[in-house]
């Protein structure tokens, strides 16, 4: 039997306008807490903090 894949696709939402702009993957077994990255938001037209959403 093969092990279940621990990699999950997650959505990233802008901290200012709350729009979901990006998708990325993460290993849920190694990274338990929510991911937070500084990315460019085309609606805000600046770099903002993007956080993992449900």
PDB file of N, CA and C in Angstrom:
ATOM      1  N   UNK A   1       0.823  -1.182   0.000  1.00  0.00           N
ATOM      2  CA  UNK A   1       0.000   0.000   0.000  1.00  0.00           C
ATOM      3  C   UNK A   1       0.869   1.247   0.000  1.00  0.00           C
ATOM      4  N   UNK A   2       0.453   2.235  -0.742  1.00  0.00           N
ATOM      5  CA  UNK A   2       1.194   3.491  -0.823  1.00  0.00           C
ATOM      6  C   UNK A   2       0.706   4.444   0.263  1.00  0.00           C
ATOM      7  N   UNK A   3       1.619   5.286   0.737  1.00  0.00           N
ATOM      8  CA  UNK A   3       1.250   6.290   1.728  1.00  0.00           C
ATOM      9  C   UNK A   3       0.444   7.394   1.057  1.00  0.00           C
ATOM     10  N   UNK A   4      -0.426   8.019   1.819  1.00  0.00           N
ATOM     11  CA  UNK A   4      -1.225   9.127   1.313  1.00  0.00           C
ATOM     12  C   UNK A   4      -0.330  10.347   1.113  1.00  0.00           C
ATOM     13  N   UNK A   5      -0.524  11.060   0.029  1.00  0.00           N
ATOM     14  CA  UNK A   5       0.289  12.235  -0.278  1.00  0.00           C
ATOM     15  C   UNK A   5      -0.004  13.352   0.720  1.00  0.00           C
ATOM     16  N   UNK A   6       1.028  13.932   1.317  1.00  0.00           N
ATOM     17  CA  UNK A   6       0.882  14.973   2.334  1.00  0.00           C
ATOM     18  C   UNK A   6       0.890  16.375   1.738  1.00  0.00           C
ATOM     19  N   UNK A   7       1.112  16.502   0.431  1.00  0.00           N
ATOM     20  CA  UNK A   7       1.160  17.811  -0.206  1.00  0.00           C
ATOM     21  C   UNK A   7      -0.252  18.281  -0.528  1.00  0.00           C
ATOM     22  N   UNK A   8      -0.568  19.505  -0.142  1.00  0.00           N
ATOM     23  CA  UNK A   8      -1.899  20.055  -0.352  1.00  0.00           C
ATOM     24  C   UNK A   8      -1.803  21.381  -1.097  1.00  0.00           C
ATOM     25  N   UNK A   9      -2.801  21.667  -1.926  1.00  0.00           N
ATOM     26  CA  UNK A   9      -2.899  22.948  -2.623  1.00  0.00           C
ATOM     27  C   UNK A   9      -3.671  23.908  -1.721  1.00  0.00           C
ATOM     28  N   UNK A  10      -3.097  25.090  -1.490  1.00  0.00           N
ATOM     29  CA  UNK A  10      -3.730  26.076  -0.617  1.00  0.00           C
ATOM     30  C   UNK A  10      -3.906  27.396  -1.364  1.00  0.00           C
ATOM     31  N   UNK A  11      -4.887  28.196  -0.939  1.00  0.00           N
ATOM     32  CA  UNK A  11      -5.129  29.519  -1.502  1.00  0.00           C
ATOM     33  C   UNK A  11      -4.494  30.568  -0.609  1.00  0.00           C
ATOM     34  N   UNK A  12      -3.986  31.637  -1.254  1.00  0.00           N
ATOM     35  CA  UNK A  12      -3.386  32.741  -0.523  1.00  0.00           C
ATOM     36  C   UNK A  12      -4.258  33.981  -0.731  1.00  0.00           C
ATOM     37  N   UNK A  13      -4.624  34.660   0.364  1.00  0.00           N
ATOM     38  CA  UNK A  13      -5.477  35.846   0.296  1.00  0.00           C
ATOM     39  C   UNK A  13      -4.691  37.070   0.745  1.00  0.00           C
ATOM     40  N   UNK A  14      -4.948  38.190   0.070  1.00  0.00           N
ATOM     41  CA  UNK A  14      -4.294  39.454   0.393  1.00  0.00           C
ATOM     42  C   UNK A  14      -4.753  39.938   1.769  1.00  0.00           C
ATOM     43  N   UNK A  15      -3.841  40.486   2.541  1.00  0.00           N
ATOM     44  CA  UNK A  15      -4.169  40.989   3.868  1.00  0.00           C
ATOM     45  C   UNK A  15      -4.960  42.283   3.845  1.00  0.00           C
ATOM     46  N   UNK A  16      -4.833  43.082   2.767  1.00  0.00           N
ATOM     47  CA  UNK A  16      -5.534  44.361   2.679  1.00  0.00           C
ATOM     48  C   UNK A  16      -6.932  44.218   2.069  1.00  0.00           C
ATOM     49  N   UNK A  17      -7.011  43.673   0.859  1.00  0.00           N
ATOM     50  CA  UNK A  17      -8.296  43.615   0.149  1.00  0.00           C
ATOM     51  C   UNK A  17      -9.003  42.270   0.303  1.00  0.00           C
ATOM     52  N   UNK A  18      -8.348  41.267   0.891  1.00  0.00           N
ATOM     53  CA  UNK A  18      -8.910  39.943   1.171  1.00  0.00           C
ATOM     54  C   UNK A  18      -9.245  39.128  -0.079  1.00  0.00           C
ATOM     55  N   UNK A  19      -8.704  39.501  -1.226  1.00  0.00           N
ATOM     56  CA  UNK A  19      -8.932  38.725  -2.445  1.00  0.00           C
ATOM     57  C   UNK A  19      -7.966  37.557  -2.498  1.00  0.00           C
ATOM     58  N   UNK A  20      -8.436  36.463  -3.042  1.00  0.00           N
ATOM     59  CA  UNK A  20      -7.600  35.260  -3.178  1.00  0.00           C
ATOM     60  C   UNK A  20      -6.882  35.314  -4.510  1.00  0.00           C
ATOM     61  N   UNK A  21      -5.592  35.658  -4.462  1.00  0.00           N
ATOM     62  CA  UNK A  21      -4.816  35.919  -5.672  1.00  0.00           C
ATOM     63  C   UNK A  21      -3.951  34.752  -6.105  1.00  0.00           C
ATOM     64  N   UNK A  22      -3.422  33.982  -5.175  1.00  0.00           N
ATOM     65  CA  UNK A  22      -2.421  32.974  -5.494  1.00  0.00           C
ATOM     66  C   UNK A  22      -2.815  31.617  -4.955  1.00  0.00           C
ATOM     67  N   UNK A  23      -2.298  30.560  -5.599  1.00  0.00           N
ATOM     68  CA  UNK A  23      -2.367  29.209  -5.070  1.00  0.00           C
ATOM     69  C   UNK A  23      -0.950  28.673  -4.982  1.00  0.00           C
ATOM     70  N   UNK A  24      -0.697  27.858  -3.987  1.00  0.00           N
ATOM     71  CA  UNK A  24       0.617  27.260  -3.801  1.00  0.00           C
ATOM     72  C   UNK A  24       0.435  25.910  -3.113  1.00  0.00           C
ATOM     73  N   UNK A  25       1.510  25.171  -2.971  1.00  0.00           N
ATOM     74  CA  UNK A  25       1.450  23.878  -2.296  1.00  0.00           C
ATOM     75  C   UNK A  25       2.297  23.922  -1.038  1.00  0.00           C
ATOM     76  N   UNK A  26       1.923  23.070  -0.085  1.00  0.00           N
ATOM     77  CA  UNK A  26       2.732  22.939   1.118  1.00  0.00           C
ATOM     78  C   UNK A  26       2.579  21.525   1.650  1.00  0.00           C
ATOM     79  N   UNK A  27       3.594  21.090   2.377  1.00  0.00           N
ATOM     80  CA  UNK A  27       3.584  19.790   3.011  1.00  0.00           C
ATOM     81  C   UNK A  27       2.948  19.951   4.388  1.00  0.00           C
ATOM     82  N   UNK A  28       1.759  19.409   4.582  1.00  0.00           N
ATOM     83  CA  UNK A  28       1.039  19.586   5.841  1.00  0.00           C
ATOM     84  C   UNK A  28       1.674  18.830   7.000  1.00  0.00           C
ATOM     85  N   UNK A  29       2.447  17.800   6.688  1.00  0.00           N
ATOM     86  CA  UNK A  29       3.093  17.046   7.752  1.00  0.00           C
ATOM     87  C   UNK A  29       4.246  17.841   8.371  1.00  0.00           C
ATOM     88  N   UNK A  30       4.988  18.581   7.563  1.00  0.00           N
ATOM     89  CA  UNK A  30       6.132  19.343   8.056  1.00  0.00           C
ATOM     90  C   UNK A  30       5.752  20.745   8.515  1.00  0.00           C
ATOM     91  N   UNK A  31       4.745  21.360   7.882  1.00  0.00           N
ATOM     92  CA  UNK A  31       4.327  22.724   8.205  1.00  0.00           C
ATOM     93  C   UNK A  31       2.900  22.693   8.731  1.00  0.00           C
ATOM     94  N   UNK A  32       2.743  22.721  10.047  1.00  0.00           N
ATOM     95  CA  UNK A  32       1.427  22.631  10.665  1.00  0.00           C
ATOM     96  C   UNK A  32       0.698  23.976  10.669  1.00  0.00           C
ATOM     97  N   UNK A  33       1.431  25.075  10.922  1.00  0.00           N
ATOM     98  CA  UNK A  33       0.789  26.381  11.049  1.00  0.00           C
ATOM     99  C   UNK A  33       0.498  26.988   9.677  1.00  0.00           C
ATOM    100  N   UNK A  34      -0.213  28.093   9.689  1.00  0.00           N
ATOM    101  CA  UNK A  34      -0.615  28.749   8.440  1.00  0.00           C
ATOM    102  C   UNK A  34       0.558  29.454   7.780  1.00  0.00           C
ATOM    103  N   UNK A  35       0.589  29.390   6.461  1.00  0.00           N
ATOM    104  CA  UNK A  35       1.662  29.985   5.677  1.00  0.00           C
ATOM    105  C   UNK A  35       1.379  31.469   5.449  1.00  0.00           C
ATOM    106  N   UNK A  36       2.417  32.288   5.491  1.00  0.00           N
ATOM    107  CA  UNK A  36       2.284  33.722   5.270  1.00  0.00           C
ATOM    108  C   UNK A  36       3.459  34.184   4.414  1.00  0.00           C
ATOM    109  N   UNK A  37       3.159  34.761   3.250  1.00  0.00           N
ATOM    110  CA  UNK A  37       4.190  35.216   2.320  1.00  0.00           C
ATOM    111  C   UNK A  37       3.908  36.647   1.885  1.00  0.00           C
ATOM    112  N   UNK A  38       4.955  37.362   1.533  1.00  0.00           N
ATOM    113  CA  UNK A  38       4.815  38.723   1.020  1.00  0.00           C
ATOM    114  C   UNK A  38       4.803  38.632  -0.503  1.00  0.00           C
ATOM    115  N   UNK A  39       3.633  38.922  -1.112  1.00  0.00           N
ATOM    116  CA  UNK A  39       3.446  38.781  -2.549  1.00  0.00           C
ATOM    117  C   UNK A  39       2.850  40.073  -3.117  1.00  0.00           C
ATOM    118  N   UNK A  40       2.876  40.182  -4.458  1.00  0.00           N
ATOM    119  CA  UNK A  40       2.311  41.345  -5.136  1.00  0.00           C
ATOM    120  C   UNK A  40       0.816  41.134  -5.355  1.00  0.00           C
ATOM    121  N   UNK A  41       0.018  42.133  -4.993  1.00  0.00           N
ATOM    122  CA  UNK A  41      -1.431  42.098  -5.213  1.00  0.00           C
ATOM    123  C   UNK A  41      -1.763  43.024  -6.380  1.00  0.00           C
ATOM    124  N   UNK A  42      -2.306  42.494  -7.493  1.00  0.00           N
ATOM    125  CA  UNK A  42      -2.623  43.345  -8.639  1.00  0.00           C
ATOM    126  C   UNK A  42      -3.768  44.329  -8.379  1.00  0.00           C
ATOM    127  N   UNK A  43      -4.664  44.039  -7.436  1.00  0.00           N
ATOM    128  CA  UNK A  43      -5.764  44.950  -7.150  1.00  0.00           C
ATOM    129  C   UNK A  43      -5.315  46.101  -6.255  1.00  0.00           C
ATOM    130  N   UNK A  44      -4.448  45.821  -5.289  1.00  0.00           N
ATOM    131  CA  UNK A  44      -3.898  46.881  -4.426  1.00  0.00           C
ATOM    132  C   UNK A  44      -2.738  47.605  -5.110  1.00  0.00           C
ATOM    133  N   UNK A  45      -2.136  46.970  -6.098  1.00  0.00           N
ATOM    134  CA  UNK A  45      -0.979  47.484  -6.835  1.00  0.00           C
ATOM    135  C   UNK A  45       0.225  47.732  -5.933  1.00  0.00           C
ATOM    136  N   UNK A  46       0.461  46.797  -4.994  1.00  0.00           N
ATOM    137  CA  UNK A  46       1.630  46.876  -4.130  1.00  0.00           C
ATOM    138  C   UNK A  46       1.883  45.499  -3.518  1.00  0.00           C
ATOM    139  N   UNK A  47       3.039  45.343  -2.913  1.00  0.00           N
ATOM    140  CA  UNK A  47       3.365  44.105  -2.221  1.00  0.00           C
ATOM    141  C   UNK A  47       2.707  44.125  -0.847  1.00  0.00           C
ATOM    142  N   UNK A  48       1.957  43.064  -0.530  1.00  0.00           N
ATOM    143  CA  UNK A  48       1.275  42.950   0.752  1.00  0.00           C
ATOM    144  C   UNK A  48       1.485  41.548   1.316  1.00  0.00           C
ATOM    145  N   UNK A  49       1.109  41.386   2.558  1.00  0.00           N
ATOM    146  CA  UNK A  49       1.192  40.090   3.227  1.00  0.00           C
ATOM    147  C   UNK A  49       0.026  39.229   2.764  1.00  0.00           C
ATOM    148  N   UNK A  50       0.314  38.050   2.216  1.00  0.00           N
ATOM    149  CA  UNK A  50      -0.713  37.102   1.797  1.00  0.00           C
ATOM    150  C   UNK A  50      -0.684  35.927   2.757  1.00  0.00           C
ATOM    151  N   UNK A  51      -1.868  35.557   3.271  1.00  0.00           N
ATOM    152  CA  UNK A  51      -1.963  34.491   4.254  1.00  0.00           C
ATOM    153  C   UNK A  51      -2.783  33.336   3.703  1.00  0.00           C
ATOM    154  N   UNK A  52      -2.526  32.169   4.240  1.00  0.00           N
ATOM    155  CA  UNK A  52      -3.227  30.961   3.829  1.00  0.00           C
ATOM    156  C   UNK A  52      -4.690  31.039   4.284  1.00  0.00           C
ATOM    157  N   UNK A  53      -5.612  30.652   3.387  1.00  0.00           N
ATOM    158  CA  UNK A  53      -7.029  30.613   3.712  1.00  0.00           C
ATOM    159  C   UNK A  53      -7.514  29.180   3.695  1.00  0.00           C
ATOM    160  N   UNK A  54      -8.748  28.977   4.076  1.00  0.00           N
ATOM    161  CA  UNK A  54      -9.331  27.627   4.088  1.00  0.00           C
ATOM    162  C   UNK A  54      -9.634  27.166   2.683  1.00  0.00           C
TER     163      UNK A  54
END
